[in-house]
Amino acid sequence: MDHLPISHNEESIRLFKSDFLEFFTHISPIVIIVIWLPIALYLLVTAFKIDPYNGFPFYIFASFIIGLFVWTLTEYLLHRFIFHFRPHTPFQERVTFLFHGIHHATPQDKTRLVMPPIVSIPLALLFFGLFNLILNKWLGIWLWIYPMFSGFLIGYLIYDLTHYATHHFPMRYGYLKYIKRHHMQHHYKTPNQRFGVSSPLWDKVFRTLPD
């Protein structure tokens, strides 16, 4: 939303008086790779191990791709409606700033470009619970949970690493150049549009991509 500050500032802004709390607001992109890539691979390997069918299990491939696709929608919805939530109270304004406003205030701050584990781990547990509820309890296809959630986590990694790259790598050619320009325009031209980071797909679907 246009209420978020727009800045070219590269300096880091302190969020908490406590050094302990402040520590958890800074993160290197290497950390998310170390945490989430092994988990995504473990889920995928486990899916093959527990597969009850003979031959190539097509459902594993299909559910992995669906998981990637579901992430692109999740990325868009989180960015548009949670990160750019318009606050109505001072408390909401504070929370909104902590979640995402800080990034718009200092978009080049290298240690605040990927989601810290203190946020991403609870969110991952929440989404895994939703996957289990929908795929296992409602649809009865529990075998799909591991490969689909693996694809979902890979989608998240692609998103966060793409986000870091758009701010700190040249990305001069092809799709990479396009997606970098797309995100930079979100920051410096249309902060209430262009919510897709790894893909502009849902901006086109929901008409948040300017003509």
N, C-alpha and C. Protein backbone atom coordinates (compact mmCIF):
# COMPACT_ATOMS: atom_id res chain seq x y z
N MET A 1 0.83 -1.18 0.00
CA MET A 1 0.00 0.00 0.00
C MET A 1 0.88 1.26 0.00
N ASP A 2 0.27 2.40 -0.41
CA ASP A 2 1.05 3.61 -0.51
C ASP A 2 1.37 4.25 0.83
N HIS A 3 0.91 3.64 1.95
CA HIS A 3 1.24 4.19 3.27
C HIS A 3 2.63 3.80 3.71
N LEU A 4 3.23 2.79 3.05
CA LEU A 4 4.56 2.37 3.45
C LEU A 4 5.60 3.36 2.95
N PRO A 5 6.65 3.61 3.75
CA PRO A 5 7.67 4.56 3.33
C PRO A 5 8.48 4.03 2.17
N ILE A 6 8.98 4.93 1.33
CA ILE A 6 9.81 4.56 0.19
C ILE A 6 11.15 5.25 0.35
N SER A 7 12.22 4.49 0.28
CA SER A 7 13.54 5.06 0.54
C SER A 7 14.60 4.30 -0.24
N HIS A 8 15.72 4.97 -0.49
CA HIS A 8 16.89 4.33 -1.08
C HIS A 8 17.94 4.05 0.00
N ASN A 9 17.58 4.21 1.23
CA ASN A 9 18.51 4.09 2.34
C ASN A 9 19.05 2.67 2.45
N GLU A 10 20.37 2.54 2.59
CA GLU A 10 21.00 1.22 2.74
C GLU A 10 21.36 0.93 4.19
N GLU A 11 21.20 1.90 5.07
CA GLU A 11 21.56 1.70 6.46
C GLU A 11 20.48 0.90 7.18
N SER A 12 20.90 0.12 8.17
CA SER A 12 19.97 -0.69 8.93
C SER A 12 19.32 0.14 10.03
N ILE A 13 18.04 -0.10 10.26
CA ILE A 13 17.30 0.57 11.32
C ILE A 13 17.12 -0.40 12.48
N ARG A 14 17.44 0.05 13.66
CA ARG A 14 17.27 -0.81 14.84
C ARG A 14 15.78 -0.89 15.17
N LEU A 15 15.30 -2.12 15.41
CA LEU A 15 13.88 -2.34 15.69
C LEU A 15 13.57 -2.54 17.16
N PHE A 16 14.53 -3.11 17.91
CA PHE A 16 14.29 -3.42 19.32
C PHE A 16 15.43 -2.87 20.19
N LYS A 17 15.11 -2.46 21.39
CA LYS A 17 16.14 -2.05 22.34
C LYS A 17 16.97 -3.26 22.78
N SER A 18 16.31 -4.41 22.89
CA SER A 18 16.98 -5.63 23.32
C SER A 18 17.90 -6.17 22.22
N ASP A 19 19.17 -6.39 22.55
CA ASP A 19 20.11 -6.98 21.60
C ASP A 19 19.68 -8.39 21.20
N PHE A 20 19.08 -9.11 22.16
CA PHE A 20 18.63 -10.48 21.90
C PHE A 20 17.55 -10.48 20.82
N LEU A 21 16.53 -9.63 20.97
CA LEU A 21 15.46 -9.56 19.98
C LEU A 21 15.96 -9.01 18.65
N GLU A 22 16.83 -8.03 18.71
CA GLU A 22 17.37 -7.43 17.49
C GLU A 22 18.14 -8.43 16.65
N PHE A 23 18.83 -9.35 17.33
CA PHE A 23 19.61 -10.38 16.64
C PHE A 23 18.75 -11.19 15.67
N PHE A 24 17.51 -11.48 16.07
CA PHE A 24 16.65 -12.33 15.26
C PHE A 24 16.02 -11.60 14.08
N THR A 25 16.24 -10.29 13.97
CA THR A 25 15.68 -9.55 12.84
C THR A 25 16.65 -9.47 11.67
N HIS A 26 17.85 -9.99 11.86
CA HIS A 26 18.86 -9.97 10.80
C HIS A 26 19.17 -11.40 10.37
N ILE A 27 19.26 -11.62 9.06
CA ILE A 27 19.49 -12.98 8.57
C ILE A 27 20.18 -12.95 7.22
N SER A 28 21.08 -13.88 7.02
CA SER A 28 21.75 -14.07 5.73
C SER A 28 20.93 -15.05 4.88
N PRO A 29 20.91 -14.89 3.56
CA PRO A 29 20.19 -15.85 2.71
C PRO A 29 20.74 -17.27 2.81
N ILE A 30 22.00 -17.40 3.22
CA ILE A 30 22.58 -18.73 3.39
C ILE A 30 21.81 -19.53 4.44
N VAL A 31 21.32 -18.83 5.46
CA VAL A 31 20.62 -19.49 6.56
C VAL A 31 19.36 -20.19 6.07
N ILE A 32 18.59 -19.53 5.21
CA ILE A 32 17.34 -20.16 4.76
C ILE A 32 17.63 -21.36 3.87
N ILE A 33 18.74 -21.32 3.14
CA ILE A 33 19.12 -22.49 2.33
C ILE A 33 19.48 -23.65 3.24
N VAL A 34 20.26 -23.37 4.26
CA VAL A 34 20.70 -24.41 5.20
C VAL A 34 19.51 -25.04 5.93
N ILE A 35 18.50 -24.22 6.25
CA ILE A 35 17.34 -24.72 6.99
C ILE A 35 16.36 -25.45 6.08
N TRP A 36 15.94 -24.80 4.97
CA TRP A 36 14.79 -25.29 4.23
C TRP A 36 15.10 -26.23 3.08
N LEU A 37 16.27 -26.12 2.47
CA LEU A 37 16.58 -27.04 1.37
C LEU A 37 16.68 -28.49 1.85
N PRO A 38 17.40 -28.79 2.95
CA PRO A 38 17.42 -30.18 3.44
C PRO A 38 16.03 -30.71 3.78
N ILE A 39 15.17 -29.87 4.36
CA ILE A 39 13.83 -30.31 4.71
C ILE A 39 13.03 -30.63 3.46
N ALA A 40 13.13 -29.76 2.44
CA ALA A 40 12.41 -29.99 1.19
C ALA A 40 12.88 -31.28 0.52
N LEU A 41 14.19 -31.51 0.52
CA LEU A 41 14.74 -32.72 -0.09
C LEU A 41 14.35 -33.96 0.71
N TYR A 42 14.35 -33.84 2.03
CA TYR A 42 13.94 -34.96 2.89
C TYR A 42 12.49 -35.36 2.60
N LEU A 43 11.62 -34.38 2.48
CA LEU A 43 10.22 -34.66 2.19
C LEU A 43 10.06 -35.35 0.84
N LEU A 44 10.82 -34.90 -0.14
CA LEU A 44 10.72 -35.48 -1.48
C LEU A 44 11.25 -36.92 -1.49
N VAL A 45 12.39 -37.13 -0.84
CA VAL A 45 12.96 -38.48 -0.78
C VAL A 45 12.03 -39.41 -0.01
N THR A 46 11.46 -38.92 1.07
CA THR A 46 10.52 -39.72 1.85
C THR A 46 9.30 -40.09 1.02
N ALA A 47 8.85 -39.18 0.18
CA ALA A 47 7.70 -39.46 -0.69
C ALA A 47 7.98 -40.64 -1.60
N PHE A 48 9.20 -40.73 -2.12
CA PHE A 48 9.57 -41.86 -2.98
C PHE A 48 9.68 -43.14 -2.16
N LYS A 49 10.18 -43.03 -0.93
CA LYS A 49 10.35 -44.22 -0.10
C LYS A 49 9.03 -44.85 0.31
N ILE A 50 8.03 -44.02 0.57
CA ILE A 50 6.75 -44.56 1.03
C ILE A 50 5.76 -44.80 -0.10
N ASP A 51 6.20 -44.53 -1.32
CA ASP A 51 5.31 -44.72 -2.48
C ASP A 51 4.90 -46.19 -2.60
N PRO A 52 3.61 -46.51 -2.60
CA PRO A 52 3.16 -47.90 -2.65
C PRO A 52 3.04 -48.46 -4.07
N TYR A 53 3.27 -47.63 -5.06
CA TYR A 53 3.07 -48.06 -6.44
C TYR A 53 4.39 -48.48 -7.08
N ASN A 54 4.31 -49.26 -8.11
CA ASN A 54 5.49 -49.68 -8.86
C ASN A 54 5.73 -48.70 -10.02
N GLY A 55 6.99 -48.62 -10.45
CA GLY A 55 7.29 -47.73 -11.56
C GLY A 55 7.40 -46.29 -11.11
N PHE A 56 7.42 -45.38 -12.08
CA PHE A 56 7.57 -43.96 -11.76
C PHE A 56 6.28 -43.42 -11.18
N PRO A 57 6.33 -42.91 -9.97
CA PRO A 57 5.10 -42.40 -9.32
C PRO A 57 4.76 -41.01 -9.85
N PHE A 58 3.91 -40.95 -10.84
CA PHE A 58 3.58 -39.67 -11.49
C PHE A 58 2.98 -38.68 -10.50
N TYR A 59 2.25 -39.18 -9.51
CA TYR A 59 1.60 -38.26 -8.58
C TYR A 59 2.62 -37.44 -7.78
N ILE A 60 3.83 -38.01 -7.57
CA ILE A 60 4.86 -37.27 -6.85
C ILE A 60 5.30 -36.06 -7.66
N PHE A 61 5.55 -36.29 -8.94
CA PHE A 61 5.93 -35.18 -9.82
C PHE A 61 4.82 -34.15 -9.90
N ALA A 62 3.59 -34.61 -10.09
CA ALA A 62 2.46 -33.70 -10.23
C ALA A 62 2.23 -32.88 -8.96
N SER A 63 2.27 -33.54 -7.80
CA SER A 63 2.01 -32.83 -6.55
C SER A 63 3.15 -31.86 -6.22
N PHE A 64 4.37 -32.20 -6.60
CA PHE A 64 5.50 -31.28 -6.40
C PHE A 64 5.29 -30.00 -7.20
N ILE A 65 4.89 -30.14 -8.47
CA ILE A 65 4.63 -28.98 -9.32
C ILE A 65 3.46 -28.17 -8.79
N ILE A 66 2.42 -28.85 -8.31
CA ILE A 66 1.28 -28.15 -7.72
C ILE A 66 1.72 -27.36 -6.50
N GLY A 67 2.61 -27.94 -5.69
CA GLY A 67 3.13 -27.25 -4.51
C GLY A 67 3.86 -25.96 -4.90
N LEU A 68 4.66 -26.03 -5.96
CA LEU A 68 5.33 -24.83 -6.47
C LEU A 68 4.30 -23.77 -6.86
N PHE A 69 3.26 -24.23 -7.58
CA PHE A 69 2.22 -23.32 -8.06
C PHE A 69 1.46 -22.69 -6.89
N VAL A 70 1.14 -23.51 -5.89
CA VAL A 70 0.44 -23.00 -4.72
C VAL A 70 1.28 -21.94 -4.01
N TRP A 71 2.60 -22.15 -3.98
CA TRP A 71 3.45 -21.15 -3.35
C TRP A 71 3.32 -19.80 -4.05
N THR A 72 3.30 -19.77 -5.40
CA THR A 72 3.24 -18.49 -6.11
C THR A 72 2.00 -17.69 -5.69
N LEU A 73 0.88 -18.39 -5.50
CA LEU A 73 -0.33 -17.71 -5.04
C LEU A 73 -0.17 -17.25 -3.59
N THR A 74 0.41 -18.11 -2.75
CA THR A 74 0.64 -17.76 -1.35
C THR A 74 1.53 -16.54 -1.23
N GLU A 75 2.59 -16.52 -2.02
CA GLU A 75 3.51 -15.38 -2.04
C GLU A 75 2.76 -14.08 -2.35
N TYR A 76 1.93 -14.13 -3.35
CA TYR A 76 1.18 -12.94 -3.76
C TYR A 76 0.22 -12.49 -2.65
N LEU A 77 -0.54 -13.43 -2.10
CA LEU A 77 -1.54 -13.09 -1.09
C LEU A 77 -0.90 -12.56 0.18
N LEU A 78 0.20 -13.20 0.62
CA LEU A 78 0.90 -12.72 1.81
C LEU A 78 1.41 -11.30 1.61
N HIS A 79 2.03 -11.09 0.45
CA HIS A 79 2.62 -9.78 0.17
C HIS A 79 1.55 -8.70 0.08
N ARG A 80 0.48 -9.00 -0.61
CA ARG A 80 -0.55 -7.98 -0.83
C ARG A 80 -1.39 -7.70 0.41
N PHE A 81 -1.85 -8.75 1.08
CA PHE A 81 -2.84 -8.55 2.14
C PHE A 81 -2.28 -8.59 3.57
N ILE A 82 -1.13 -9.23 3.76
CA ILE A 82 -0.53 -9.28 5.10
C ILE A 82 0.59 -8.24 5.22
N PHE A 83 1.56 -8.31 4.31
CA PHE A 83 2.69 -7.39 4.39
C PHE A 83 2.28 -5.94 4.10
N HIS A 84 1.29 -5.77 3.23
CA HIS A 84 0.82 -4.43 2.90
C HIS A 84 -0.54 -4.13 3.53
N PHE A 85 -0.79 -4.73 4.65
CA PHE A 85 -2.02 -4.44 5.40
C PHE A 85 -2.01 -2.98 5.84
N ARG A 86 -3.14 -2.29 5.63
CA ARG A 86 -3.23 -0.89 6.03
C ARG A 86 -3.64 -0.82 7.50
N PRO A 87 -2.77 -0.35 8.37
CA PRO A 87 -3.07 -0.32 9.82
C PRO A 87 -4.10 0.73 10.17
N HIS A 88 -4.85 0.44 11.25
CA HIS A 88 -5.87 1.36 11.74
C HIS A 88 -5.59 1.83 13.17
N THR A 89 -4.61 1.22 13.81
CA THR A 89 -4.24 1.59 15.18
C THR A 89 -2.72 1.68 15.27
N PRO A 90 -2.20 2.37 16.28
CA PRO A 90 -0.74 2.43 16.46
C PRO A 90 -0.11 1.05 16.59
N PHE A 91 -0.79 0.12 17.27
CA PHE A 91 -0.24 -1.24 17.41
C PHE A 91 -0.15 -1.93 16.05
N GLN A 92 -1.21 -1.83 15.26
CA GLN A 92 -1.20 -2.42 13.92
C GLN A 92 -0.11 -1.78 13.06
N GLU A 93 0.08 -0.49 13.21
CA GLU A 93 1.12 0.20 12.45
C GLU A 93 2.50 -0.32 12.82
N ARG A 94 2.70 -0.56 14.11
CA ARG A 94 3.99 -1.09 14.58
C ARG A 94 4.24 -2.48 14.03
N VAL A 95 3.21 -3.34 14.09
CA VAL A 95 3.35 -4.72 13.60
C VAL A 95 3.60 -4.72 12.09
N THR A 96 2.86 -3.90 11.36
CA THR A 96 3.04 -3.81 9.91
C THR A 96 4.45 -3.36 9.56
N PHE A 97 4.96 -2.40 10.32
CA PHE A 97 6.32 -1.94 10.06
C PHE A 97 7.34 -3.03 10.33
N LEU A 98 7.15 -3.79 11.41
CA LEU A 98 8.07 -4.87 11.74
C LEU A 98 8.06 -5.94 10.67
N PHE A 99 6.87 -6.25 10.12
CA PHE A 99 6.73 -7.31 9.13
C PHE A 99 7.32 -6.91 7.78
N HIS A 100 7.00 -5.70 7.34
CA HIS A 100 7.36 -5.36 5.97
C HIS A 100 7.73 -3.90 5.75
N GLY A 101 7.19 -3.01 6.59
CA GLY A 101 7.49 -1.60 6.42
C GLY A 101 8.97 -1.31 6.52
N ILE A 102 9.66 -2.04 7.39
CA ILE A 102 11.10 -1.87 7.54
C ILE A 102 11.83 -2.11 6.23
N HIS A 103 11.33 -3.06 5.45
CA HIS A 103 11.96 -3.36 4.16
C HIS A 103 11.77 -2.21 3.18
N HIS A 104 10.60 -1.58 3.18
CA HIS A 104 10.39 -0.44 2.29
C HIS A 104 11.15 0.79 2.77
N ALA A 105 11.40 0.87 4.07
CA ALA A 105 12.17 1.99 4.61
C ALA A 105 13.65 1.85 4.27
N THR A 106 14.16 0.62 4.29
CA THR A 106 15.58 0.37 3.98
C THR A 106 15.66 -0.82 3.02
N PRO A 107 15.27 -0.64 1.77
CA PRO A 107 15.17 -1.78 0.83
C PRO A 107 16.49 -2.43 0.47
N GLN A 108 17.60 -1.75 0.73
CA GLN A 108 18.91 -2.33 0.38
C GLN A 108 19.62 -2.93 1.58
N ASP A 109 18.95 -3.01 2.71
CA ASP A 109 19.54 -3.61 3.90
C ASP A 109 19.71 -5.12 3.66
N LYS A 110 20.93 -5.59 3.51
CA LYS A 110 21.21 -6.97 3.10
C LYS A 110 20.74 -8.02 4.10
N THR A 111 20.64 -7.65 5.36
CA THR A 111 20.27 -8.65 6.37
C THR A 111 18.77 -8.68 6.65
N ARG A 112 18.00 -7.91 5.88
CA ARG A 112 16.55 -7.93 6.07
C ARG A 112 15.81 -8.13 4.75
N LEU A 113 16.36 -9.01 3.93
CA LEU A 113 15.77 -9.27 2.61
C LEU A 113 15.13 -10.65 2.50
N VAL A 114 15.43 -11.52 3.44
CA VAL A 114 14.79 -12.84 3.46
C VAL A 114 14.07 -13.02 4.79
N MET A 115 13.11 -13.92 4.82
CA MET A 115 12.28 -14.08 6.00
C MET A 115 13.05 -14.75 7.14
N PRO A 116 13.11 -14.14 8.31
CA PRO A 116 13.85 -14.75 9.43
C PRO A 116 13.15 -16.02 9.91
N PRO A 117 13.90 -17.01 10.38
CA PRO A 117 13.31 -18.27 10.85
C PRO A 117 12.29 -18.09 11.96
N ILE A 118 12.43 -17.04 12.77
CA ILE A 118 11.48 -16.83 13.86
C ILE A 118 10.07 -16.57 13.30
N VAL A 119 10.00 -16.17 12.02
CA VAL A 119 8.71 -15.99 11.34
C VAL A 119 8.41 -17.17 10.43
N SER A 120 9.41 -17.61 9.65
CA SER A 120 9.17 -18.63 8.64
C SER A 120 8.86 -20.01 9.23
N ILE A 121 9.45 -20.35 10.36
CA ILE A 121 9.19 -21.68 10.95
C ILE A 121 7.75 -21.81 11.43
N PRO A 122 7.21 -20.85 12.22
CA PRO A 122 5.79 -20.95 12.59
C PRO A 122 4.86 -20.95 11.37
N LEU A 123 5.19 -20.15 10.35
CA LEU A 123 4.37 -20.13 9.14
C LEU A 123 4.42 -21.48 8.42
N ALA A 124 5.60 -22.09 8.37
CA ALA A 124 5.74 -23.39 7.72
C ALA A 124 4.91 -24.45 8.45
N LEU A 125 4.93 -24.42 9.76
CA LEU A 125 4.13 -25.37 10.54
C LEU A 125 2.64 -25.16 10.30
N LEU A 126 2.24 -23.89 10.20
CA LEU A 126 0.84 -23.57 9.92
C LEU A 126 0.43 -24.11 8.56
N PHE A 127 1.25 -23.86 7.55
CA PHE A 127 0.91 -24.32 6.20
C PHE A 127 0.96 -25.84 6.09
N PHE A 128 1.89 -26.48 6.80
CA PHE A 128 1.92 -27.95 6.77
C PHE A 128 0.64 -28.50 7.37
N GLY A 129 0.17 -27.86 8.43
CA GLY A 129 -1.10 -28.28 9.03
C GLY A 129 -2.25 -28.12 8.05
N LEU A 130 -2.25 -27.04 7.27
CA LEU A 130 -3.29 -26.83 6.27
C LEU A 130 -3.21 -27.88 5.17
N PHE A 131 -2.00 -28.21 4.73
CA PHE A 131 -1.82 -29.25 3.72
C PHE A 131 -2.37 -30.58 4.24
N ASN A 132 -2.05 -30.89 5.48
CA ASN A 132 -2.52 -32.14 6.07
C ASN A 132 -4.04 -32.17 6.17
N LEU A 133 -4.62 -31.03 6.58
CA LEU A 133 -6.07 -30.94 6.71
C LEU A 133 -6.75 -31.15 5.37
N ILE A 134 -6.27 -30.48 4.34
CA ILE A 134 -6.92 -30.53 3.03
C ILE A 134 -6.66 -31.86 2.31
N LEU A 135 -5.39 -32.26 2.26
CA LEU A 135 -5.03 -33.44 1.47
C LEU A 135 -5.36 -34.74 2.19
N ASN A 136 -5.18 -34.77 3.49
CA ASN A 136 -5.40 -36.00 4.25
C ASN A 136 -6.83 -36.10 4.76
N LYS A 137 -7.25 -35.11 5.52
CA LYS A 137 -8.56 -35.18 6.17
C LYS A 137 -9.72 -35.00 5.19
N TRP A 138 -9.58 -34.03 4.28
CA TRP A 138 -10.68 -33.72 3.39
C TRP A 138 -10.67 -34.55 2.11
N LEU A 139 -9.50 -34.68 1.47
CA LEU A 139 -9.43 -35.35 0.17
C LEU A 139 -8.98 -36.80 0.25
N GLY A 140 -8.37 -37.19 1.37
CA GLY A 140 -7.94 -38.58 1.54
C GLY A 140 -6.79 -38.99 0.65
N ILE A 141 -5.92 -38.03 0.27
CA ILE A 141 -4.76 -38.37 -0.56
C ILE A 141 -3.48 -38.00 0.22
N TRP A 142 -3.27 -38.65 1.34
CA TRP A 142 -2.17 -38.30 2.23
C TRP A 142 -0.80 -38.47 1.57
N LEU A 143 -0.71 -39.36 0.57
CA LEU A 143 0.57 -39.55 -0.12
C LEU A 143 1.05 -38.28 -0.82
N TRP A 144 0.14 -37.38 -1.09
CA TRP A 144 0.50 -36.15 -1.79
C TRP A 144 1.12 -35.11 -0.85
N ILE A 145 0.98 -35.27 0.44
CA ILE A 145 1.39 -34.22 1.37
C ILE A 145 2.88 -33.92 1.28
N TYR A 146 3.72 -34.95 1.37
CA TYR A 146 5.17 -34.72 1.39
C TYR A 146 5.68 -34.10 0.10
N PRO A 147 5.36 -34.66 -1.08
CA PRO A 147 5.90 -34.04 -2.30
C PRO A 147 5.33 -32.65 -2.56
N MET A 148 4.06 -32.44 -2.22
CA MET A 148 3.48 -31.11 -2.46
C MET A 148 4.09 -30.07 -1.54
N PHE A 149 4.30 -30.45 -0.28
CA PHE A 149 4.90 -29.48 0.64
C PHE A 149 6.37 -29.26 0.30
N SER A 150 7.02 -30.27 -0.24
CA SER A 150 8.39 -30.09 -0.72
C SER A 150 8.43 -29.05 -1.83
N GLY A 151 7.50 -29.15 -2.79
CA GLY A 151 7.43 -28.15 -3.84
C GLY A 151 7.11 -26.77 -3.31
N PHE A 152 6.25 -26.71 -2.30
CA PHE A 152 5.88 -25.46 -1.65
C PHE A 152 7.11 -24.80 -1.03
N LEU A 153 7.94 -25.59 -0.33
CA LEU A 153 9.15 -25.05 0.29
C LEU A 153 10.17 -24.61 -0.74
N ILE A 154 10.32 -25.36 -1.82
CA ILE A 154 11.23 -24.96 -2.90
C ILE A 154 10.75 -23.64 -3.51
N GLY A 155 9.43 -23.52 -3.67
CA GLY A 155 8.87 -22.26 -4.17
C GLY A 155 9.20 -21.10 -3.25
N TYR A 156 9.11 -21.35 -1.94
CA TYR A 156 9.46 -20.31 -0.98
C TYR A 156 10.94 -19.92 -1.10
N LEU A 157 11.81 -20.91 -1.23
CA LEU A 157 13.24 -20.63 -1.38
C LEU A 157 13.51 -19.80 -2.64
N ILE A 158 12.87 -20.18 -3.73
CA ILE A 158 13.03 -19.43 -4.98
C ILE A 158 12.59 -17.99 -4.78
N TYR A 159 11.47 -17.82 -4.10
CA TYR A 159 10.95 -16.47 -3.83
C TYR A 159 11.94 -15.64 -3.01
N ASP A 160 12.38 -16.17 -1.89
CA ASP A 160 13.24 -15.39 -1.00
C ASP A 160 14.60 -15.10 -1.63
N LEU A 161 15.16 -16.08 -2.34
CA LEU A 161 16.45 -15.86 -2.98
C LEU A 161 16.33 -14.92 -4.18
N THR A 162 15.20 -15.01 -4.88
CA THR A 162 14.94 -14.07 -5.97
C THR A 162 14.82 -12.66 -5.42
N HIS A 163 14.14 -12.54 -4.28
CA HIS A 163 13.98 -11.23 -3.65
C HIS A 163 15.34 -10.64 -3.29
N TYR A 164 16.19 -11.45 -2.71
CA TYR A 164 17.53 -10.97 -2.36
C TYR A 164 18.28 -10.55 -3.62
N ALA A 165 18.18 -11.37 -4.66
CA ALA A 165 18.92 -11.09 -5.90
C ALA A 165 18.44 -9.80 -6.57
N THR A 166 17.13 -9.54 -6.53
CA THR A 166 16.63 -8.33 -7.18
C THR A 166 17.21 -7.06 -6.56
N HIS A 167 17.58 -7.14 -5.30
CA HIS A 167 18.13 -5.98 -4.61
C HIS A 167 19.65 -5.90 -4.69
N HIS A 168 20.33 -7.02 -4.96
CA HIS A 168 21.78 -7.00 -4.84
C HIS A 168 22.55 -7.66 -5.98
N PHE A 169 21.87 -8.06 -7.04
CA PHE A 169 22.57 -8.61 -8.20
C PHE A 169 22.12 -7.88 -9.46
N PRO A 170 22.98 -7.79 -10.48
CA PRO A 170 22.65 -7.03 -11.68
C PRO A 170 21.41 -7.54 -12.43
N MET A 171 21.33 -8.85 -12.69
CA MET A 171 20.18 -9.46 -13.37
C MET A 171 19.85 -8.68 -14.65
N ARG A 172 20.75 -8.71 -15.61
CA ARG A 172 20.66 -7.84 -16.79
C ARG A 172 19.98 -8.48 -18.00
N TYR A 173 19.65 -9.76 -17.93
CA TYR A 173 19.16 -10.42 -19.14
C TYR A 173 17.85 -11.17 -18.92
N GLY A 174 17.03 -11.20 -19.97
CA GLY A 174 15.86 -12.06 -20.03
C GLY A 174 14.89 -11.88 -18.89
N TYR A 175 14.39 -13.02 -18.40
CA TYR A 175 13.38 -13.00 -17.34
C TYR A 175 13.91 -12.39 -16.06
N LEU A 176 15.18 -12.63 -15.76
CA LEU A 176 15.77 -12.08 -14.54
C LEU A 176 15.74 -10.55 -14.56
N LYS A 177 16.05 -9.98 -15.73
CA LYS A 177 15.99 -8.52 -15.87
C LYS A 177 14.57 -8.03 -15.68
N TYR A 178 13.60 -8.76 -16.25
CA TYR A 178 12.20 -8.37 -16.14
C TYR A 178 11.73 -8.40 -14.69
N ILE A 179 12.04 -9.49 -13.98
CA ILE A 179 11.52 -9.63 -12.62
C ILE A 179 12.20 -8.65 -11.67
N LYS A 180 13.47 -8.31 -11.93
CA LYS A 180 14.14 -7.28 -11.12
C LYS A 180 13.46 -5.93 -11.32
N ARG A 181 13.18 -5.58 -12.56
CA ARG A 181 12.52 -4.31 -12.87
C ARG A 181 11.12 -4.28 -12.25
N HIS A 182 10.43 -5.41 -12.34
CA HIS A 182 9.09 -5.53 -11.77
C HIS A 182 9.11 -5.22 -10.27
N HIS A 183 10.07 -5.77 -9.56
CA HIS A 183 10.12 -5.57 -8.11
C HIS A 183 10.62 -4.17 -7.75
N MET A 184 11.57 -3.64 -8.50
CA MET A 184 12.05 -2.30 -8.22
C MET A 184 10.95 -1.27 -8.45
N GLN A 185 10.10 -1.49 -9.44
CA GLN A 185 8.97 -0.59 -9.65
C GLN A 185 7.97 -0.68 -8.50
N HIS A 186 7.85 -1.87 -7.91
CA HIS A 186 6.99 -2.00 -6.72
C HIS A 186 7.51 -1.10 -5.60
N HIS A 187 8.83 -1.06 -5.44
CA HIS A 187 9.41 -0.26 -4.36
C HIS A 187 9.34 1.23 -4.64
N TYR A 188 9.72 1.63 -5.85
CA TYR A 188 9.98 3.04 -6.10
C TYR A 188 8.96 3.74 -6.98
N LYS A 189 7.98 2.98 -7.49
CA LYS A 189 6.99 3.60 -8.36
C LYS A 189 5.56 3.27 -7.97
N THR A 190 5.28 1.99 -7.75
CA THR A 190 3.90 1.56 -7.45
C THR A 190 3.88 0.62 -6.25
N PRO A 191 4.07 1.12 -5.03
CA PRO A 191 4.10 0.25 -3.85
C PRO A 191 2.77 -0.43 -3.55
N ASN A 192 1.69 0.04 -4.19
CA ASN A 192 0.38 -0.60 -4.01
C ASN A 192 0.03 -1.52 -5.17
N GLN A 193 1.04 -1.87 -5.98
CA GLN A 193 0.86 -2.80 -7.09
C GLN A 193 2.12 -3.65 -7.23
N ARG A 194 2.09 -4.59 -8.19
CA ARG A 194 3.25 -5.46 -8.47
C ARG A 194 3.68 -6.22 -7.21
N PHE A 195 2.80 -7.05 -6.69
CA PHE A 195 3.09 -7.77 -5.45
C PHE A 195 3.84 -9.08 -5.68
N GLY A 196 3.81 -9.61 -6.88
CA GLY A 196 4.58 -10.82 -7.17
C GLY A 196 6.06 -10.53 -7.17
N VAL A 197 6.84 -11.37 -6.55
CA VAL A 197 8.30 -11.19 -6.51
C VAL A 197 9.00 -12.18 -7.44
N SER A 198 8.66 -13.45 -7.33
CA SER A 198 9.28 -14.45 -8.19
C SER A 198 8.53 -14.62 -9.51
N SER A 199 7.30 -14.08 -9.57
CA SER A 199 6.48 -14.21 -10.77
C SER A 199 5.44 -13.10 -10.80
N PRO A 200 5.14 -12.55 -11.99
CA PRO A 200 4.09 -11.54 -12.10
C PRO A 200 2.71 -12.15 -12.38
N LEU A 201 2.62 -13.49 -12.36
CA LEU A 201 1.40 -14.20 -12.76
C LEU A 201 0.16 -13.66 -12.06
N TRP A 202 0.18 -13.62 -10.73
CA TRP A 202 -1.03 -13.27 -9.99
C TRP A 202 -1.31 -11.78 -10.04
N ASP A 203 -0.29 -10.96 -10.32
CA ASP A 203 -0.55 -9.55 -10.57
C ASP A 203 -1.41 -9.40 -11.83
N LYS A 204 -1.15 -10.24 -12.82
CA LYS A 204 -1.94 -10.20 -14.04
C LYS A 204 -3.35 -10.72 -13.78
N VAL A 205 -3.45 -11.81 -13.02
CA VAL A 205 -4.76 -12.40 -12.73
C VAL A 205 -5.64 -11.45 -11.94
N PHE A 206 -5.08 -10.82 -10.90
CA PHE A 206 -5.86 -9.96 -10.02
C PHE A 206 -5.75 -8.48 -10.38
N ARG A 207 -5.15 -8.19 -11.51
CA ARG A 207 -5.12 -6.84 -12.06
C ARG A 207 -4.41 -5.83 -11.16
N THR A 208 -3.30 -6.28 -10.60
CA THR A 208 -2.45 -5.35 -9.85
C THR A 208 -1.15 -5.09 -10.61
N LEU A 209 -1.21 -5.33 -11.92
CA LEU A 209 -0.09 -5.03 -12.80
C LEU A 209 -0.50 -3.87 -13.69
N PRO A 210 0.14 -2.71 -13.55
CA PRO A 210 -0.26 -1.55 -14.35
C PRO A 210 -0.14 -1.82 -15.85
N ASP A 211 -0.96 -1.15 -16.64
CA ASP A 211 -0.88 -1.27 -18.10
C ASP A 211 0.46 -0.75 -18.58
